[in-house]
C-alpha cells in the first residue's frame, strides 16, 4: 500500500509533469519524432525506478520534488541522476533541451 501511494505521488509530482514539459519543449523546438518518443518512453519507465530509489530514501524524494518546484533543478537533471537508463536518451535530446529559446 505504501509503495502504491509513493508510486502515485511520484507520477503526479515528477513523472507526468516531466513528460508534459519535455514533450512540449521538444515539439516546440522541432525535435525528431524518434527523440520525442524515446524521451516519453524513458520518462514513463522512470516511475518504478524513482519509486524504488525514493522509497529507500524518502527525504531524498521530498528534497528532489522541492528542488524541482523551486527551480533549483530540472526534470532532465533528476532523470539523468536517478534513472541511469534515461541518460543516453536525454543525451540524444540535449541539443533540443538546452536550446535557450525554450
N, C-alpha and C. Protein backbone atom coordinates (compact mmCIF):
# COMPACT_ATOMS: atom_id res chain seq x y z
N UNK A 1 0.82 -1.19 0.00
CA UNK A 1 0.00 0.00 0.00
C UNK A 1 0.87 1.26 0.00
N UNK A 2 1.87 1.28 0.86
CA UNK A 2 2.77 2.43 0.92
C UNK A 2 3.49 2.62 -0.41
N UNK A 3 3.93 1.51 -1.01
CA UNK A 3 4.63 1.57 -2.30
C UNK A 3 3.70 2.13 -3.38
N UNK A 4 2.44 1.72 -3.37
CA UNK A 4 1.47 2.24 -4.35
C UNK A 4 1.25 3.73 -4.18
N UNK A 5 1.16 4.18 -2.94
CA UNK A 5 1.00 5.61 -2.67
C UNK A 5 2.22 6.38 -3.16
N UNK A 6 3.39 5.87 -2.85
CA UNK A 6 4.62 6.52 -3.28
C UNK A 6 4.69 6.58 -4.81
N UNK A 7 4.35 5.49 -5.47
CA UNK A 7 4.34 5.43 -6.93
C UNK A 7 3.40 6.49 -7.51
N UNK A 8 2.22 6.60 -6.93
CA UNK A 8 1.24 7.58 -7.38
C UNK A 8 1.75 9.01 -7.18
N UNK A 9 2.35 9.27 -6.03
CA UNK A 9 2.91 10.61 -5.77
C UNK A 9 4.03 10.95 -6.76
N UNK A 10 4.88 10.00 -7.03
CA UNK A 10 5.97 10.24 -7.99
C UNK A 10 5.41 10.51 -9.37
N UNK A 11 4.39 9.76 -9.76
CA UNK A 11 3.74 10.02 -11.05
C UNK A 11 3.15 11.42 -11.10
N UNK A 12 2.44 11.81 -10.06
CA UNK A 12 1.77 13.11 -10.04
C UNK A 12 2.73 14.28 -9.93
N UNK A 13 3.80 14.12 -9.16
CA UNK A 13 4.67 15.25 -8.85
C UNK A 13 5.93 15.34 -9.71
N UNK A 14 6.34 14.21 -10.28
CA UNK A 14 7.59 14.24 -11.04
C UNK A 14 7.39 13.72 -12.46
N UNK A 15 6.93 12.49 -12.60
CA UNK A 15 6.95 11.85 -13.91
C UNK A 15 6.00 12.49 -14.92
N UNK A 16 4.76 12.66 -14.57
CA UNK A 16 3.80 13.24 -15.52
C UNK A 16 4.15 14.69 -15.86
N UNK A 17 4.48 15.54 -14.88
CA UNK A 17 4.89 16.90 -15.26
C UNK A 17 6.16 16.90 -16.13
N UNK A 18 7.08 15.99 -15.86
CA UNK A 18 8.30 15.90 -16.67
C UNK A 18 7.95 15.52 -18.10
N UNK A 19 7.09 14.53 -18.25
CA UNK A 19 6.70 14.10 -19.60
C UNK A 19 6.02 15.24 -20.36
N UNK A 20 5.14 15.95 -19.69
CA UNK A 20 4.43 17.07 -20.32
C UNK A 20 5.40 18.17 -20.73
N UNK A 21 6.26 18.57 -19.80
CA UNK A 21 7.19 19.66 -20.08
C UNK A 21 8.19 19.29 -21.17
N UNK A 22 8.79 18.12 -21.05
CA UNK A 22 9.80 17.73 -22.03
C UNK A 22 9.20 17.53 -23.41
N UNK A 23 8.02 16.93 -23.47
CA UNK A 23 7.35 16.73 -24.77
C UNK A 23 7.03 18.06 -25.43
N UNK A 24 6.54 19.01 -24.64
CA UNK A 24 6.20 20.33 -25.18
C UNK A 24 7.45 21.05 -25.69
N UNK A 25 8.51 21.01 -24.91
CA UNK A 25 9.75 21.67 -25.33
C UNK A 25 10.32 21.04 -26.59
N UNK A 26 10.34 19.72 -26.63
CA UNK A 26 10.88 19.03 -27.81
C UNK A 26 10.04 19.32 -29.05
N UNK A 27 8.73 19.32 -28.89
CA UNK A 27 7.84 19.61 -30.02
C UNK A 27 8.02 21.05 -30.50
N UNK A 28 8.10 21.97 -29.57
CA UNK A 28 8.26 23.39 -29.90
C UNK A 28 9.55 23.62 -30.68
N UNK A 29 10.58 22.88 -30.34
CA UNK A 29 11.88 23.08 -30.98
C UNK A 29 12.11 22.17 -32.18
N UNK A 30 11.08 21.42 -32.56
CA UNK A 30 11.16 20.62 -33.76
C UNK A 30 12.04 19.38 -33.67
N UNK A 31 12.10 18.79 -32.51
CA UNK A 31 12.88 17.56 -32.34
C UNK A 31 12.27 16.45 -33.18
N UNK A 32 13.09 15.55 -33.69
CA UNK A 32 12.57 14.42 -34.46
C UNK A 32 11.63 13.55 -33.62
N UNK A 33 10.68 12.93 -34.27
CA UNK A 33 9.70 12.09 -33.59
C UNK A 33 10.37 10.97 -32.80
N UNK A 34 11.46 10.42 -33.32
CA UNK A 34 12.13 9.34 -32.59
C UNK A 34 12.67 9.81 -31.25
N UNK A 35 13.22 11.00 -31.21
CA UNK A 35 13.72 11.55 -29.95
C UNK A 35 12.56 11.81 -29.00
N UNK A 36 11.49 12.40 -29.53
CA UNK A 36 10.33 12.68 -28.68
C UNK A 36 9.75 11.39 -28.11
N UNK A 37 9.65 10.37 -28.93
CA UNK A 37 9.11 9.08 -28.49
C UNK A 37 10.03 8.43 -27.46
N UNK A 38 11.34 8.47 -27.70
CA UNK A 38 12.29 7.87 -26.76
C UNK A 38 12.28 8.57 -25.41
N UNK A 39 12.19 9.90 -25.41
CA UNK A 39 12.14 10.65 -24.15
C UNK A 39 10.85 10.31 -23.40
N UNK A 40 9.73 10.29 -24.11
CA UNK A 40 8.46 9.96 -23.46
C UNK A 40 8.49 8.55 -22.86
N UNK A 41 9.08 7.60 -23.58
CA UNK A 41 9.18 6.24 -23.07
C UNK A 41 10.08 6.17 -21.84
N UNK A 42 11.18 6.88 -21.90
CA UNK A 42 12.12 6.91 -20.77
C UNK A 42 11.45 7.48 -19.53
N UNK A 43 10.75 8.59 -19.69
CA UNK A 43 10.10 9.22 -18.54
C UNK A 43 9.01 8.30 -17.98
N UNK A 44 8.25 7.67 -18.86
CA UNK A 44 7.22 6.75 -18.39
C UNK A 44 7.81 5.58 -17.61
N UNK A 45 8.92 5.08 -18.09
CA UNK A 45 9.58 3.94 -17.43
C UNK A 45 10.32 4.36 -16.16
N UNK A 46 10.46 5.65 -15.93
CA UNK A 46 11.21 6.14 -14.77
C UNK A 46 10.45 5.98 -13.46
N UNK A 47 9.15 5.96 -13.49
CA UNK A 47 8.36 5.92 -12.25
C UNK A 47 8.73 4.77 -11.32
N UNK A 48 8.82 3.54 -11.81
CA UNK A 48 9.19 2.45 -10.89
C UNK A 48 10.61 2.61 -10.34
N UNK A 49 11.52 3.12 -11.16
CA UNK A 49 12.90 3.31 -10.71
C UNK A 49 12.95 4.38 -9.63
N UNK A 50 12.26 5.49 -9.88
CA UNK A 50 12.23 6.57 -8.89
C UNK A 50 11.53 6.11 -7.61
N UNK A 51 10.49 5.31 -7.75
CA UNK A 51 9.80 4.79 -6.57
C UNK A 51 10.76 3.98 -5.71
N UNK A 52 11.49 3.08 -6.32
CA UNK A 52 12.44 2.26 -5.56
C UNK A 52 13.53 3.12 -4.92
N UNK A 53 14.01 4.10 -5.67
CA UNK A 53 15.07 4.97 -5.15
C UNK A 53 14.57 5.78 -3.96
N UNK A 54 13.41 6.39 -4.12
CA UNK A 54 12.92 7.32 -3.09
C UNK A 54 12.22 6.61 -1.93
N UNK A 55 11.75 5.40 -2.14
CA UNK A 55 11.16 4.67 -1.03
C UNK A 55 12.25 4.26 -0.05
N UNK A 56 13.45 4.04 -0.58
CA UNK A 56 14.59 3.72 0.27
C UNK A 56 15.18 4.94 0.93
N UNK A 57 14.90 6.11 0.38
CA UNK A 57 15.41 7.37 0.92
C UNK A 57 14.35 8.45 0.71
N UNK A 58 13.28 8.42 1.53
CA UNK A 58 12.17 9.35 1.32
C UNK A 58 12.57 10.82 1.42
N UNK A 59 13.55 11.13 2.24
CA UNK A 59 13.99 12.52 2.36
C UNK A 59 14.54 13.00 1.02
N UNK A 60 15.29 12.14 0.37
CA UNK A 60 15.82 12.48 -0.95
C UNK A 60 14.68 12.75 -1.94
N UNK A 61 13.64 11.95 -1.88
CA UNK A 61 12.49 12.15 -2.76
C UNK A 61 11.81 13.48 -2.51
N UNK A 62 11.61 13.81 -1.25
CA UNK A 62 10.96 15.08 -0.91
C UNK A 62 11.84 16.25 -1.33
N UNK A 63 13.14 16.15 -1.07
CA UNK A 63 14.05 17.22 -1.45
C UNK A 63 14.12 17.38 -2.97
N UNK A 64 14.09 16.27 -3.68
CA UNK A 64 14.10 16.34 -5.14
C UNK A 64 12.86 17.06 -5.66
N UNK A 65 11.70 16.68 -5.15
CA UNK A 65 10.46 17.35 -5.57
C UNK A 65 10.51 18.84 -5.24
N UNK A 66 10.99 19.18 -4.06
CA UNK A 66 11.09 20.59 -3.67
C UNK A 66 12.05 21.35 -4.57
N UNK A 67 13.16 20.72 -4.93
CA UNK A 67 14.14 21.38 -5.80
C UNK A 67 13.56 21.59 -7.20
N UNK A 68 12.74 20.66 -7.67
CA UNK A 68 12.10 20.83 -8.97
C UNK A 68 11.11 21.99 -8.90
N UNK A 69 10.26 21.99 -7.88
CA UNK A 69 9.22 23.02 -7.76
C UNK A 69 9.81 24.41 -7.62
N UNK A 70 10.96 24.52 -6.96
CA UNK A 70 11.56 25.84 -6.74
C UNK A 70 12.49 26.25 -7.87
N UNK A 71 12.67 25.38 -8.85
CA UNK A 71 13.52 25.71 -9.98
C UNK A 71 15.01 25.50 -9.72
N UNK A 72 15.34 24.85 -8.62
CA UNK A 72 16.74 24.60 -8.30
C UNK A 72 17.33 23.47 -9.12
N UNK A 73 16.47 22.68 -9.74
CA UNK A 73 16.93 21.61 -10.63
C UNK A 73 15.89 21.43 -11.72
N UNK A 74 16.20 20.60 -12.67
CA UNK A 74 15.29 20.35 -13.79
C UNK A 74 14.89 18.88 -13.81
N UNK A 75 13.85 18.59 -14.55
CA UNK A 75 13.43 17.21 -14.71
C UNK A 75 14.55 16.40 -15.37
N UNK A 76 15.20 17.00 -16.37
CA UNK A 76 16.27 16.28 -17.05
C UNK A 76 17.38 15.90 -16.08
N UNK A 77 17.76 16.84 -15.22
CA UNK A 77 18.84 16.57 -14.26
C UNK A 77 18.46 15.44 -13.31
N UNK A 78 17.22 15.45 -12.84
CA UNK A 78 16.76 14.40 -11.93
C UNK A 78 16.76 13.05 -12.63
N UNK A 79 16.22 13.02 -13.84
CA UNK A 79 16.17 11.76 -14.57
C UNK A 79 17.57 11.24 -14.88
N UNK A 80 18.47 12.11 -15.26
CA UNK A 80 19.84 11.66 -15.54
C UNK A 80 20.53 11.15 -14.29
N UNK A 81 20.28 11.80 -13.16
CA UNK A 81 20.94 11.41 -11.92
C UNK A 81 20.34 10.15 -11.31
N UNK A 82 19.02 10.02 -11.38
CA UNK A 82 18.35 8.96 -10.63
C UNK A 82 17.83 7.81 -11.48
N UNK A 83 17.84 7.96 -12.79
CA UNK A 83 17.38 6.89 -13.69
C UNK A 83 18.46 6.70 -14.77
N UNK A 84 19.47 5.90 -14.47
CA UNK A 84 20.60 5.75 -15.39
C UNK A 84 20.21 5.38 -16.82
N UNK A 85 19.16 4.61 -16.99
CA UNK A 85 18.74 4.20 -18.34
C UNK A 85 18.28 5.40 -19.18
N UNK A 86 17.91 6.49 -18.54
CA UNK A 86 17.47 7.68 -19.28
C UNK A 86 18.65 8.51 -19.79
N UNK A 87 19.83 8.27 -19.27
CA UNK A 87 20.99 9.07 -19.65
C UNK A 87 21.23 9.17 -21.15
N UNK A 88 21.35 8.04 -21.87
CA UNK A 88 21.60 8.12 -23.31
C UNK A 88 20.46 8.81 -24.08
N UNK A 89 19.23 8.57 -23.66
CA UNK A 89 18.08 9.17 -24.34
C UNK A 89 18.10 10.69 -24.15
N UNK A 90 18.34 11.13 -22.93
CA UNK A 90 18.38 12.57 -22.66
C UNK A 90 19.60 13.21 -23.31
N UNK A 91 20.68 12.47 -23.41
CA UNK A 91 21.88 12.99 -24.09
C UNK A 91 21.56 13.24 -25.57
N UNK A 92 20.83 12.32 -26.18
CA UNK A 92 20.45 12.48 -27.59
C UNK A 92 19.52 13.68 -27.78
N UNK A 93 18.71 13.97 -26.76
CA UNK A 93 17.77 15.09 -26.83
C UNK A 93 18.40 16.41 -26.40
N UNK A 94 19.58 16.36 -25.85
CA UNK A 94 20.21 17.55 -25.27
C UNK A 94 20.31 18.75 -26.22
N UNK A 95 20.61 18.57 -27.50
CA UNK A 95 20.67 19.74 -28.37
C UNK A 95 19.34 20.53 -28.39
N UNK A 96 18.25 19.82 -28.21
CA UNK A 96 16.94 20.48 -28.19
C UNK A 96 16.60 21.01 -26.80
N UNK A 97 16.90 20.21 -25.78
CA UNK A 97 16.57 20.60 -24.42
C UNK A 97 17.40 21.77 -23.92
N UNK A 98 18.61 21.93 -24.44
CA UNK A 98 19.46 23.01 -23.98
C UNK A 98 19.27 24.29 -24.79
N UNK A 99 18.40 24.25 -25.77
CA UNK A 99 18.13 25.42 -26.59
C UNK A 99 17.60 26.55 -25.72
N UNK A 100 18.19 27.70 -25.80
CA UNK A 100 17.85 28.82 -24.90
C UNK A 100 16.53 29.49 -25.24
N UNK A 101 15.93 29.18 -26.34
CA UNK A 101 14.66 29.80 -26.69
C UNK A 101 13.47 29.17 -26.03
N UNK A 102 13.68 28.13 -25.21
CA UNK A 102 12.56 27.39 -24.63
C UNK A 102 12.06 27.98 -23.36
